[in-house]
C-alpha atoms as a PDB file:
ATOM      1  CA  UNK A   1       5.617   7.863  17.810  1.00  0.00           C
ATOM      2  CA  UNK A   2       7.144   4.564  18.898  1.00  0.00           C
ATOM      3  CA  UNK A   3       5.335   1.373  17.923  1.00  0.00           C
ATOM      4  CA  UNK A   4       5.883  -2.128  19.145  1.00  0.00           C
ATOM      5  CA  UNK A   5       6.399  -5.091  16.879  1.00  0.00           C
ATOM      6  CA  UNK A   6       2.806  -6.318  17.005  1.00  0.00           C
ATOM      7  CA  UNK A   7       1.517  -2.933  15.902  1.00  0.00           C
ATOM      8  CA  UNK A   8       3.942  -2.916  12.968  1.00  0.00           C
ATOM      9  CA  UNK A   9       2.852  -6.387  11.896  1.00  0.00           C
ATOM     10  CA  UNK A  10      -0.823  -5.382  11.885  1.00  0.00           C
ATOM     11  CA  UNK A  11       0.085  -2.203  10.041  1.00  0.00           C
ATOM     12  CA  UNK A  12       1.798  -4.311   7.366  1.00  0.00           C
ATOM     13  CA  UNK A  13      -1.462  -6.190   6.805  1.00  0.00           C
ATOM     14  CA  UNK A  14      -3.416  -2.978   6.393  1.00  0.00           C
ATOM     15  CA  UNK A  15      -0.984  -0.969   4.266  1.00  0.00           C
ATOM     16  CA  UNK A  16       0.880  -3.429   2.041  1.00  0.00           C
ATOM     17  CA  UNK A  17      -0.622  -4.885  -1.115  1.00  0.00           C
ATOM     18  CA  UNK A  18      -2.131  -8.364  -0.924  1.00  0.00           C
ATOM     19  CA  UNK A  19       0.695  -9.792  -3.049  1.00  0.00           C
ATOM     20  CA  UNK A  20       3.448  -8.233  -0.889  1.00  0.00           C
ATOM     21  CA  UNK A  21       5.603 -10.462   1.298  1.00  0.00           C
ATOM     22  CA  UNK A  22       4.882  -9.737   4.930  1.00  0.00           C
ATOM     23  CA  UNK A  23       7.169 -10.298   7.881  1.00  0.00           C
ATOM     24  CA  UNK A  24       4.808 -12.691   9.610  1.00  0.00           C
ATOM     25  CA  UNK A  25       4.773 -14.960   6.539  1.00  0.00           C
ATOM     26  CA  UNK A  26       8.534 -15.361   6.297  1.00  0.00           C
ATOM     27  CA  UNK A  27      10.107 -18.818   6.430  1.00  0.00           C
ATOM     28  CA  UNK A  28      12.126 -17.889   9.479  1.00  0.00           C
ATOM     29  CA  UNK A  29      15.845 -17.879  10.088  1.00  0.00           C
ATOM     30  CA  UNK A  30      18.587 -20.382   9.430  1.00  0.00           C
ATOM     31  CA  UNK A  31      19.994 -19.587  12.869  1.00  0.00           C
ATOM     32  CA  UNK A  32      17.913 -18.913  15.953  1.00  0.00           C
ATOM     33  CA  UNK A  33      17.767 -15.289  17.056  1.00  0.00           C
ATOM     34  CA  UNK A  34      16.152 -13.474  19.906  1.00  0.00           C
ATOM     35  CA  UNK A  35      13.058 -11.723  18.588  1.00  0.00           C
ATOM     36  CA  UNK A  36      13.243  -7.972  18.811  1.00  0.00           C
ATOM     37  CA  UNK A  37      10.472  -6.202  20.718  1.00  0.00           C
ATOM     38  CA  UNK A  38      10.470  -3.129  18.482  1.00  0.00           C
ATOM     39  CA  UNK A  39      11.468  -4.297  14.983  1.00  0.00           C
ATOM     40  CA  UNK A  40      10.151  -6.851  12.521  1.00  0.00           C
ATOM     41  CA  UNK A  41      12.552  -9.406  11.011  1.00  0.00           C
ATOM     42  CA  UNK A  42      12.571  -7.499   7.702  1.00  0.00           C
ATOM     43  CA  UNK A  43      13.508  -4.281   9.496  1.00  0.00           C
ATOM     44  CA  UNK A  44      16.406  -6.068  11.180  1.00  0.00           C
ATOM     45  CA  UNK A  45      17.600  -7.366   7.801  1.00  0.00           C
ATOM     46  CA  UNK A  46      17.374  -3.895   6.262  1.00  0.00           C
ATOM     47  CA  UNK A  47      19.362  -2.398   9.140  1.00  0.00           C
ATOM     48  CA  UNK A  48      22.041  -5.068   8.797  1.00  0.00           C
ATOM     49  CA  UNK A  49      22.448  -4.270   5.118  1.00  0.00           C
ATOM     50  CA  UNK A  50      22.467  -0.496   5.476  1.00  0.00           C
ATOM     51  CA  UNK A  51      24.884  -0.442   8.401  1.00  0.00           C
ATOM     52  CA  UNK A  52      27.295  -3.114   7.179  1.00  0.00           C
ATOM     53  CA  UNK A  53      30.786  -2.055   6.240  1.00  0.00           C
ATOM     54  CA  UNK A  54      30.632  -3.084   2.588  1.00  0.00           C
ATOM     55  CA  UNK A  55      27.422  -1.139   1.965  1.00  0.00           C
ATOM     56  CA  UNK A  56      28.877   1.977   3.564  1.00  0.00           C
ATOM     57  CA  UNK A  57      31.886   1.695   1.264  1.00  0.00           C
ATOM     58  CA  UNK A  58      29.544   2.121  -1.691  1.00  0.00           C
ATOM     59  CA  UNK A  59      28.666   5.592  -0.451  1.00  0.00           C
ATOM     60  CA  UNK A  60      29.595   8.238  -3.031  1.00  0.00           C
ATOM     61  CA  UNK A  61      30.625   5.576  -5.574  1.00  0.00           C
ATOM     62  CA  UNK A  62      27.949   6.437  -8.111  1.00  0.00           C
ATOM     63  CA  UNK A  63      29.249   8.221 -11.140  1.00  0.00           C
ATOM     64  CA  UNK A  64      26.364   9.842 -13.010  1.00  0.00           C
ATOM     65  CA  UNK A  65      27.440  11.550 -16.203  1.00  0.00           C
ATOM     66  CA  UNK A  66      26.077  12.723 -19.500  1.00  0.00           C
ATOM     67  CA  UNK A  67      27.746  11.039 -22.449  1.00  0.00           C
ATOM     68  CA  UNK A  68      29.544  13.415 -24.760  1.00  0.00           C
ATOM     69  CA  UNK A  69      30.622  15.838 -22.041  1.00  0.00           C
ATOM     70  CA  UNK A  70      33.883  15.630 -20.112  1.00  0.00           C
ATOM     71  CA  UNK A  71      33.500  14.577 -16.491  1.00  0.00           C
ATOM     72  CA  UNK A  72      33.814  17.326 -13.905  1.00  0.00           C
ATOM     73  CA  UNK A  73      35.485  15.168 -11.321  1.00  0.00           C
ATOM     74  CA  UNK A  74      36.783  11.682 -12.068  1.00  0.00           C
ATOM     75  CA  UNK A  75      38.981  11.208  -8.977  1.00  0.00           C
ATOM     76  CA  UNK A  76      40.319   8.040 -10.585  1.00  0.00           C
ATOM     77  CA  UNK A  77      37.101   6.085 -10.182  1.00  0.00           C
ATOM     78  CA  UNK A  78      37.043   4.906 -13.784  1.00  0.00           C
ATOM     79  CA  UNK A  79      40.548   5.420 -15.143  1.00  0.00           C
ATOM     80  CA  UNK A  80      39.925   3.330 -18.280  1.00  0.00           C
ATOM     81  CA  UNK A  81      37.393   5.891 -19.550  1.00  0.00           C
ATOM     82  CA  UNK A  82      39.192   8.875 -21.004  1.00  0.00           C
ATOM     83  CA  UNK A  83      37.496  11.683 -22.884  1.00  0.00           C
END
């Protein structure tokens, strides 16, 4: 179901905790932007972060491991750690 921006702003008031920061209470932008009909300012910020090049480069960069066991696949991510 597609919602417009006004519906999302009222939904924020109903769903979010009273101490949560809501889009309508933001201080605004440093640079003027055209307001989106479908997305709130916070949604636009989230989309900018997720779809930016540097964030996409972090994909698959996590290296979870259990200490004391040799890594299964290092692929040179942390060459200074040898077991």
